[in-house]
Amino acid sequence: MDRRSLIKHAGIAGVLAAGAAPAVHAQAAVRWRMASSFPKSLDTLFGSAETFSKTVKALSGGKFEVSVHPAGELMPAFGVVDALQNDTIEIAQSASYYFTGKDPVFAFSCAVPFGLTTLQIDAWKRQGNGGKLLNDFFAKYNFHTKSAGNTGTQMGGWYRKEIKSPEDFKGLKMRLGGGVFGETMAKLGVVAQNMPAGDVYQALEKGTLDAAEFVGPYDDEKLGLNKVAPFYYYPGWWEASAQLEFFINNKAFGKLSAEHKAIVHAAADVAAIETTARYQALNPQALKRLVANKTQLKLFPKSVMDAGFKASLEVYAEHSAKSPEFKKVYEDMRAFQRDQILWNRFSEFPYNQYINSVKL
């Protein structure tokens, strides 16, 4: 009797009892909750979380779903790490440098002053030691990370007055992303404020802030920062890139099947690639609109860049002296960066130098 006839006459129960059919691996439906540190209005940042959720559902045929919650819906924007530690949520989407109050090592996973570019941080984490070093560190907080996309090199922020020298930073009340950058700016006299994106416009408008940095043209335009501060400086030397991340609860991830674990990693990669590409595509158009609306673009004077670089080295030295863990990650990043700079001298730098000098 052939297989089809056997099934027809005996029924599936009989076939299974006889061992004539392959084992059926029925996976129970999986439902996760993701808390984001970003509002829905920032479609690039929050959109990364939505792309992840849609991809997980599609790859699993609807058997694995991740509900996505904007900042403030399940918890405050900066409450996600505590929630992961307490197993309140399975996954979060955030920027790790928001949590340097817990430990300055958090900053390396997102951005540090005069740090790695977008391609470099991906290479360091995926092919260098960065990913392992950082996930070993994050294990104490019960999560590991995957990139959720990168903003690329950011702008240097919005100011209500011009910045002509390092002295102009003294006493300046400025919204900063946090971390090592905040400490660096404090050495220059800045009074750093770390606040969620949604609060920045009102603080600038009321004069609670004198300046604010967020991301770049597209996101900054969404927040309306050009309406309350006319001077827009570049480059954001504290964020040569800024990597957003999915913080994945280790206990929840450990309970997944091998197939679902692979889906989580694949969906994160899809979201990361899409988000990084969106920033590259959207920022030039937004910058043109901002300039058309009378935003005054300003290049940071070299004296400001030099002062920032000197201050950042002091901060790195101070933390390295206090924390062997910080020193290990920092030195590994710098060693990787030196090789990247060497390669860049023969690859992107001369190419960009030339292509920027000709008319396309």
Protein backbone atom coordinates (compact mmCIF):
# COMPACT_ATOMS: atom_id res chain seq x y z
CA MET A 1 0.00 0.00 0.00
CA ASP A 2 1.43 3.39 -0.95
CA ARG A 3 1.70 6.38 1.44
CA ARG A 4 -1.38 8.24 0.16
CA SER A 5 -3.55 5.16 0.34
CA LEU A 6 -2.28 4.38 3.80
CA ILE A 7 -3.21 7.85 5.05
CA LYS A 8 -6.62 7.64 3.35
CA HIS A 9 -7.53 4.31 4.89
CA ALA A 10 -5.87 4.53 8.27
CA GLY A 11 -6.24 8.21 9.02
CA ILE A 12 -3.52 10.43 10.40
CA ALA A 13 -3.80 9.02 13.92
CA GLY A 14 -3.15 5.53 12.70
CA VAL A 15 -0.24 6.63 10.56
CA LEU A 16 1.41 8.41 13.46
CA ALA A 17 0.87 5.40 15.68
CA ALA A 18 2.45 3.17 13.06
CA GLY A 19 5.42 5.52 12.70
CA ALA A 20 4.82 5.85 8.96
CA ALA A 21 4.81 9.67 8.90
CA PRO A 22 7.53 12.16 9.80
CA ALA A 23 7.34 13.84 13.18
CA VAL A 24 5.21 17.00 13.25
CA HIS A 25 6.86 19.90 15.12
CA ALA A 26 4.01 22.21 15.98
CA GLN A 27 5.40 25.36 17.56
CA ALA A 28 3.29 27.26 20.04
CA ALA A 29 2.53 30.86 19.13
CA VAL A 30 5.03 33.34 20.55
CA ARG A 31 4.02 36.83 21.63
CA TRP A 32 6.61 39.42 22.61
CA ARG A 33 6.34 43.05 23.64
CA MET A 34 8.86 45.65 22.52
CA ALA A 35 9.23 48.96 24.35
CA SER A 36 10.86 51.74 22.34
CA SER A 37 12.63 54.80 23.71
CA PHE A 38 11.30 56.84 20.77
CA PRO A 39 7.92 58.40 19.92
CA LYS A 40 5.81 57.30 16.95
CA SER A 41 6.22 60.73 15.37
CA LEU A 42 9.88 59.94 14.56
CA ASP A 43 9.16 57.52 11.77
CA THR A 44 12.83 56.72 11.09
CA LEU A 45 13.66 55.76 14.66
CA PHE A 46 10.35 54.19 15.66
CA GLY A 47 10.00 52.80 12.14
CA SER A 48 12.97 50.52 12.79
CA ALA A 49 10.98 48.79 15.53
CA GLU A 50 7.94 48.48 13.26
CA THR A 51 10.04 46.96 10.47
CA PHE A 52 11.41 44.39 12.92
CA SER A 53 7.91 43.46 14.07
CA LYS A 54 6.54 43.07 10.53
CA THR A 55 9.51 40.98 9.46
CA VAL A 56 9.25 38.63 12.44
CA LYS A 57 5.58 38.05 11.70
CA ALA A 58 6.18 37.46 7.99
CA LEU A 59 9.10 35.07 8.47
CA SER A 60 7.21 33.03 11.06
CA GLY A 61 3.96 32.85 9.10
CA GLY A 62 2.24 34.76 11.86
CA LYS A 63 3.29 32.34 14.61
CA PHE A 64 5.67 34.84 16.22
CA GLU A 65 4.42 38.35 16.83
CA VAL A 66 6.04 41.37 18.48
CA SER A 67 3.82 44.25 19.57
CA VAL A 68 5.65 47.59 19.45
CA HIS A 69 5.04 50.31 22.03
CA PRO A 70 6.34 53.90 21.76
CA ALA A 71 8.07 55.73 24.59
CA GLY A 72 5.72 56.33 27.50
CA GLU A 73 3.16 53.69 26.59
CA LEU A 74 4.51 50.79 28.66
CA MET A 75 7.17 52.72 30.54
CA PRO A 76 9.21 55.93 30.33
CA ALA A 77 11.62 56.27 27.42
CA PHE A 78 14.62 55.53 29.62
CA GLY A 79 13.00 52.74 31.65
CA VAL A 80 13.66 49.92 29.20
CA VAL A 81 16.87 48.54 30.70
CA ASP A 82 15.27 48.15 34.13
CA ALA A 83 12.32 46.42 32.47
CA LEU A 84 14.63 43.95 30.73
CA GLN A 85 16.48 43.24 33.97
CA ASN A 86 13.15 42.53 35.65
CA ASP A 87 11.87 40.39 32.74
CA THR A 88 8.94 42.78 32.29
CA ILE A 89 9.46 42.88 28.52
CA GLU A 90 11.13 40.60 26.00
CA ILE A 91 12.78 43.24 23.83
CA ALA A 92 13.44 46.98 23.69
CA GLN A 93 14.60 49.40 21.03
CA SER A 94 16.79 52.26 22.18
CA ALA A 95 20.17 53.97 22.05
CA SER A 96 22.54 52.48 24.59
CA TYR A 97 24.26 55.74 25.49
CA TYR A 98 21.06 56.85 27.23
CA PHE A 99 22.05 54.50 30.05
CA THR A 100 25.58 55.61 30.89
CA GLY A 101 24.30 56.63 34.30
CA LYS A 102 24.41 52.90 35.02
CA ASP A 103 27.88 52.48 33.51
CA PRO A 104 29.81 54.56 30.93
CA VAL A 105 30.59 51.38 28.97
CA PHE A 106 27.04 51.59 27.58
CA ALA A 107 28.14 54.47 25.35
CA PHE A 108 30.47 52.36 23.18
CA SER A 109 27.56 50.38 21.76
CA CYS A 110 25.99 53.53 20.30
CA ALA A 111 28.38 56.46 19.94
CA VAL A 112 31.30 58.15 21.65
CA PRO A 113 33.15 61.39 20.81
CA PHE A 114 35.52 60.99 17.85
CA GLY A 115 34.45 57.38 17.57
CA LEU A 116 33.57 55.00 14.75
CA THR A 117 31.65 55.75 11.57
CA THR A 118 28.66 53.69 10.45
CA LEU A 119 30.65 51.14 8.47
CA GLN A 120 33.34 50.98 11.12
CA ILE A 121 31.06 50.25 14.07
CA ASP A 122 29.29 47.52 12.12
CA ALA A 123 32.65 45.98 11.24
CA TRP A 124 33.91 46.27 14.82
CA LYS A 125 30.82 44.60 16.24
CA ARG A 126 30.36 41.93 13.57
CA GLN A 127 33.93 41.07 12.61
CA GLY A 128 36.05 42.60 15.38
CA ASN A 129 35.84 42.13 19.13
CA GLY A 130 33.21 44.81 19.74
CA GLY A 131 30.09 42.66 19.66
CA LYS A 132 31.47 40.04 22.03
CA LEU A 133 32.95 42.55 24.46
CA LEU A 134 29.75 44.55 24.65
CA ASN A 135 27.37 41.59 24.89
CA ASP A 136 29.53 40.12 27.66
CA PHE A 137 29.07 43.44 29.44
CA PHE A 138 25.30 43.61 28.76
CA ALA A 139 24.82 40.10 30.15
CA LYS A 140 24.80 41.53 33.67
CA TYR A 141 21.69 43.49 32.63
CA ASN A 142 20.03 40.36 31.19
CA PHE A 143 20.12 41.29 27.49
CA HIS A 144 22.21 41.24 24.32
CA THR A 145 21.98 43.58 21.37
CA LYS A 146 21.51 43.62 17.63
CA SER A 147 21.78 46.73 15.48
CA ALA A 148 18.48 48.47 14.75
CA GLY A 149 20.07 50.80 12.20
CA ASN A 150 22.48 53.70 12.18
CA THR A 151 21.85 57.41 11.76
CA GLY A 152 25.19 58.01 10.06
CA THR A 153 27.32 60.99 11.05
CA GLN A 154 25.08 63.37 12.93
CA MET A 155 24.82 67.14 12.93
CA GLY A 156 26.32 69.27 15.69
CA GLY A 157 23.05 70.61 17.02
CA TRP A 158 20.89 73.73 17.16
CA TYR A 159 21.95 76.89 18.97
CA ARG A 160 20.22 80.11 19.85
CA LYS A 161 23.52 81.95 19.48
CA GLU A 162 26.64 81.45 17.37
CA ILE A 163 29.51 79.26 18.58
CA LYS A 164 32.70 81.06 17.56
CA SER A 165 35.12 79.58 20.06
CA PRO A 166 35.22 77.01 22.90
CA GLU A 167 34.45 79.84 25.34
CA ASP A 168 30.94 80.11 23.88
CA PHE A 169 30.11 76.72 25.40
CA LYS A 170 30.59 77.98 28.95
CA GLY A 171 27.31 78.01 30.85
CA LEU A 172 25.38 76.77 27.79
CA LYS A 173 22.36 74.66 28.76
CA MET A 174 22.25 71.94 26.12
CA ARG A 175 20.25 68.80 25.49
CA LEU A 176 22.73 65.99 24.82
CA GLY A 177 22.36 62.33 23.99
CA GLY A 178 24.23 61.43 27.13
CA GLY A 179 27.22 59.38 28.07
CA VAL A 180 30.86 60.17 27.51
CA PHE A 181 29.81 63.05 25.27
CA GLY A 182 27.99 64.75 28.13
CA GLU A 183 31.08 64.53 30.32
CA THR A 184 33.23 65.85 27.48
CA MET A 185 30.95 68.84 26.97
CA ALA A 186 30.88 69.46 30.72
CA LYS A 187 34.66 69.97 30.56
CA LEU A 188 33.98 72.70 28.01
CA GLY A 189 31.53 74.35 30.41
CA VAL A 190 28.25 73.02 29.00
CA VAL A 191 25.42 72.28 31.44
CA ALA A 192 24.24 68.97 29.97
CA GLN A 193 20.59 67.94 29.93
CA ASN A 194 19.48 64.43 28.92
CA MET A 195 15.80 64.43 27.97
CA PRO A 196 13.48 62.53 25.64
CA ALA A 197 13.11 63.88 22.10
CA GLY A 198 9.52 64.97 22.64
CA ASP A 199 10.50 67.46 25.36
CA VAL A 200 13.23 69.30 23.44
CA TYR A 201 11.17 71.76 21.38
CA GLN A 202 9.32 73.18 24.36
CA ALA A 203 12.52 73.47 26.42
CA LEU A 204 14.22 75.45 23.64
CA GLU A 205 11.17 77.61 23.11
CA LYS A 206 10.91 78.49 26.81
CA GLY A 207 14.63 79.11 27.17
CA THR A 208 15.13 76.19 29.53
CA LEU A 209 17.67 75.11 26.92
CA ASP A 210 20.11 77.26 24.97
CA ALA A 211 20.98 74.49 22.52
CA ALA A 212 20.06 70.94 21.60
CA GLU A 213 21.49 68.14 19.54
CA PHE A 214 19.36 65.26 18.41
CA VAL A 215 20.15 63.42 15.18
CA GLY A 216 20.22 65.12 11.82
CA PRO A 217 18.13 67.06 9.30
CA TYR A 218 15.20 64.67 8.86
CA ASP A 219 14.52 63.94 12.54
CA ASP A 220 15.40 67.48 13.64
CA GLU A 221 12.95 68.92 11.13
CA LYS A 222 10.26 66.57 12.47
CA LEU A 223 10.85 68.00 15.95
CA GLY A 224 10.67 71.55 14.61
CA LEU A 225 13.98 72.56 16.18
CA ASN A 226 14.70 75.01 13.36
CA LYS A 227 11.76 77.11 14.56
CA VAL A 228 13.28 77.78 17.98
CA ALA A 229 17.05 77.88 17.28
CA PRO A 230 18.43 79.42 14.06
CA PHE A 231 22.05 78.15 14.02
CA TYR A 232 22.68 74.58 12.87
CA TYR A 233 26.25 73.37 13.37
CA TYR A 234 28.20 70.50 11.87
CA PRO A 235 29.76 67.98 12.13
CA GLY A 236 28.53 66.10 15.19
CA TRP A 237 32.02 65.08 16.32
CA TRP A 238 30.51 63.25 19.28
CA GLU A 239 28.53 61.00 16.94
CA ALA A 240 30.47 60.02 13.85
CA SER A 241 27.67 57.50 13.75
CA ALA A 242 25.01 56.47 16.24
CA GLN A 243 23.88 52.88 16.30
CA LEU A 244 20.34 52.21 17.45
CA GLU A 245 19.83 48.78 18.93
CA PHE A 246 17.39 46.07 19.84
CA PHE A 247 18.00 45.02 23.43
CA ILE A 248 16.95 41.35 23.55
CA ASN A 249 16.08 39.81 26.91
CA ASN A 250 18.38 36.82 27.39
CA LYS A 251 15.84 34.68 29.24
CA ALA A 252 13.11 35.25 26.66
CA PHE A 253 15.53 34.62 23.80
CA GLY A 254 16.77 31.42 25.44
CA LYS A 255 13.23 30.00 25.42
CA LEU A 256 12.86 30.39 21.65
CA SER A 257 13.27 27.55 19.18
CA ALA A 258 16.33 27.61 16.93
CA GLU A 259 14.05 28.73 14.08
CA HIS A 260 12.62 31.65 16.05
CA LYS A 261 16.07 32.72 17.23
CA ALA A 262 17.18 32.86 13.61
CA ILE A 263 14.08 34.91 12.78
CA VAL A 264 14.91 37.46 15.50
CA HIS A 265 18.42 37.95 14.14
CA ALA A 266 17.26 38.09 10.52
CA ALA A 267 14.51 40.60 11.31
CA ALA A 268 16.98 42.81 13.18
CA ASP A 269 19.29 42.82 10.16
CA VAL A 270 16.43 43.76 7.85
CA ALA A 271 15.41 46.63 10.14
CA ALA A 272 19.01 47.83 10.51
CA ILE A 273 19.69 47.92 6.77
CA GLU A 274 16.38 49.62 6.01
CA THR A 275 16.79 52.28 8.71
CA THR A 276 20.36 53.16 7.77
CA ALA A 277 19.34 53.47 4.11
CA ARG A 278 16.40 55.69 5.01
CA TYR A 279 18.64 58.15 6.83
CA GLN A 280 20.97 58.36 3.86
CA ALA A 281 18.05 58.99 1.52
CA LEU A 282 16.02 61.39 3.66
CA ASN A 283 18.64 63.65 5.24
CA PRO A 284 19.79 65.50 2.08
CA GLN A 285 16.24 66.49 1.15
CA ALA A 286 15.46 67.62 4.69
CA LEU A 287 18.65 69.69 4.83
CA LYS A 288 17.67 71.49 1.63
CA ARG A 289 14.26 72.30 3.11
CA LEU A 290 15.80 73.60 6.34
CA VAL A 291 18.16 75.89 4.47
CA ALA A 292 15.28 77.14 2.31
CA ASN A 293 13.49 78.02 5.57
CA LYS A 294 16.42 80.21 6.68
CA THR A 295 18.32 77.78 8.86
CA GLN A 296 21.91 79.07 9.16
CA LEU A 297 24.38 76.23 8.58
CA LYS A 298 27.66 76.69 10.43
CA LEU A 299 30.86 74.65 10.46
CA PHE A 300 32.35 74.25 13.93
CA PRO A 301 35.60 76.24 14.11
CA LYS A 302 38.73 74.10 14.34
CA SER A 303 39.40 75.53 17.79
CA VAL A 304 36.10 74.03 18.96
CA MET A 305 36.88 70.65 17.42
CA ASP A 306 40.35 70.68 18.99
CA ALA A 307 38.95 71.57 22.40
CA GLY A 308 36.37 68.80 22.12
CA PHE A 309 39.00 66.25 21.13
CA LYS A 310 41.27 67.21 24.04
CA ALA A 311 38.38 67.07 26.51
CA SER A 312 37.24 63.67 25.22
CA LEU A 313 40.73 62.19 25.68
CA GLU A 314 40.70 63.42 29.27
CA VAL A 315 37.35 61.72 29.89
CA TYR A 316 38.53 58.46 28.33
CA ALA A 317 41.68 58.52 30.47
CA GLU A 318 39.69 59.16 33.66
CA HIS A 319 37.28 56.28 33.05
CA SER A 320 40.05 53.94 31.94
CA ALA A 321 41.91 54.62 35.18
CA LYS A 322 38.82 53.72 37.22
CA SER A 323 37.36 50.84 35.22
CA PRO A 324 39.33 47.95 33.69
CA GLU A 325 36.18 47.01 31.74
CA PHE A 326 35.91 50.49 30.23
CA LYS A 327 39.62 50.50 29.41
CA LYS A 328 39.41 47.12 27.67
CA VAL A 329 36.53 48.15 25.42
CA TYR A 330 37.99 51.60 24.72
CA GLU A 331 41.44 50.32 23.78
CA ASP A 332 39.97 47.63 21.54
CA MET A 333 37.79 50.20 19.76
CA ARG A 334 40.74 52.55 19.24
CA ALA A 335 42.97 49.79 17.87
CA PHE A 336 40.26 48.83 15.41
CA GLN A 337 39.71 52.49 14.51
CA ARG A 338 43.39 53.04 13.73
CA ASP A 339 43.30 50.26 11.15
CA GLN A 340 40.10 51.67 9.69
CA ILE A 341 41.66 55.13 9.36
CA LEU A 342 44.64 53.62 7.61
CA TRP A 343 42.43 51.82 5.10
CA ASN A 344 40.24 54.88 4.63
CA ARG A 345 43.27 56.87 3.44
CA PHE A 346 43.41 54.64 0.39
CA SER A 347 39.68 54.03 -0.15
CA GLU A 348 36.80 56.33 0.76
CA PHE A 349 38.74 59.44 1.73
CA PRO A 350 40.52 60.08 -1.61
CA TYR A 351 37.43 59.08 -3.54
CA ASN A 352 35.17 61.44 -1.56
CA GLN A 353 37.76 64.18 -1.79
CA TYR A 354 37.73 63.96 -5.57
CA ILE A 355 33.99 63.47 -6.13
CA ASN A 356 33.26 66.46 -3.89
CA SER A 357 35.50 68.63 -6.06
CA VAL A 358 33.78 68.02 -9.41
CA LYS A 359 30.41 68.95 -10.82
CA LEU A 360 28.11 65.96 -11.27
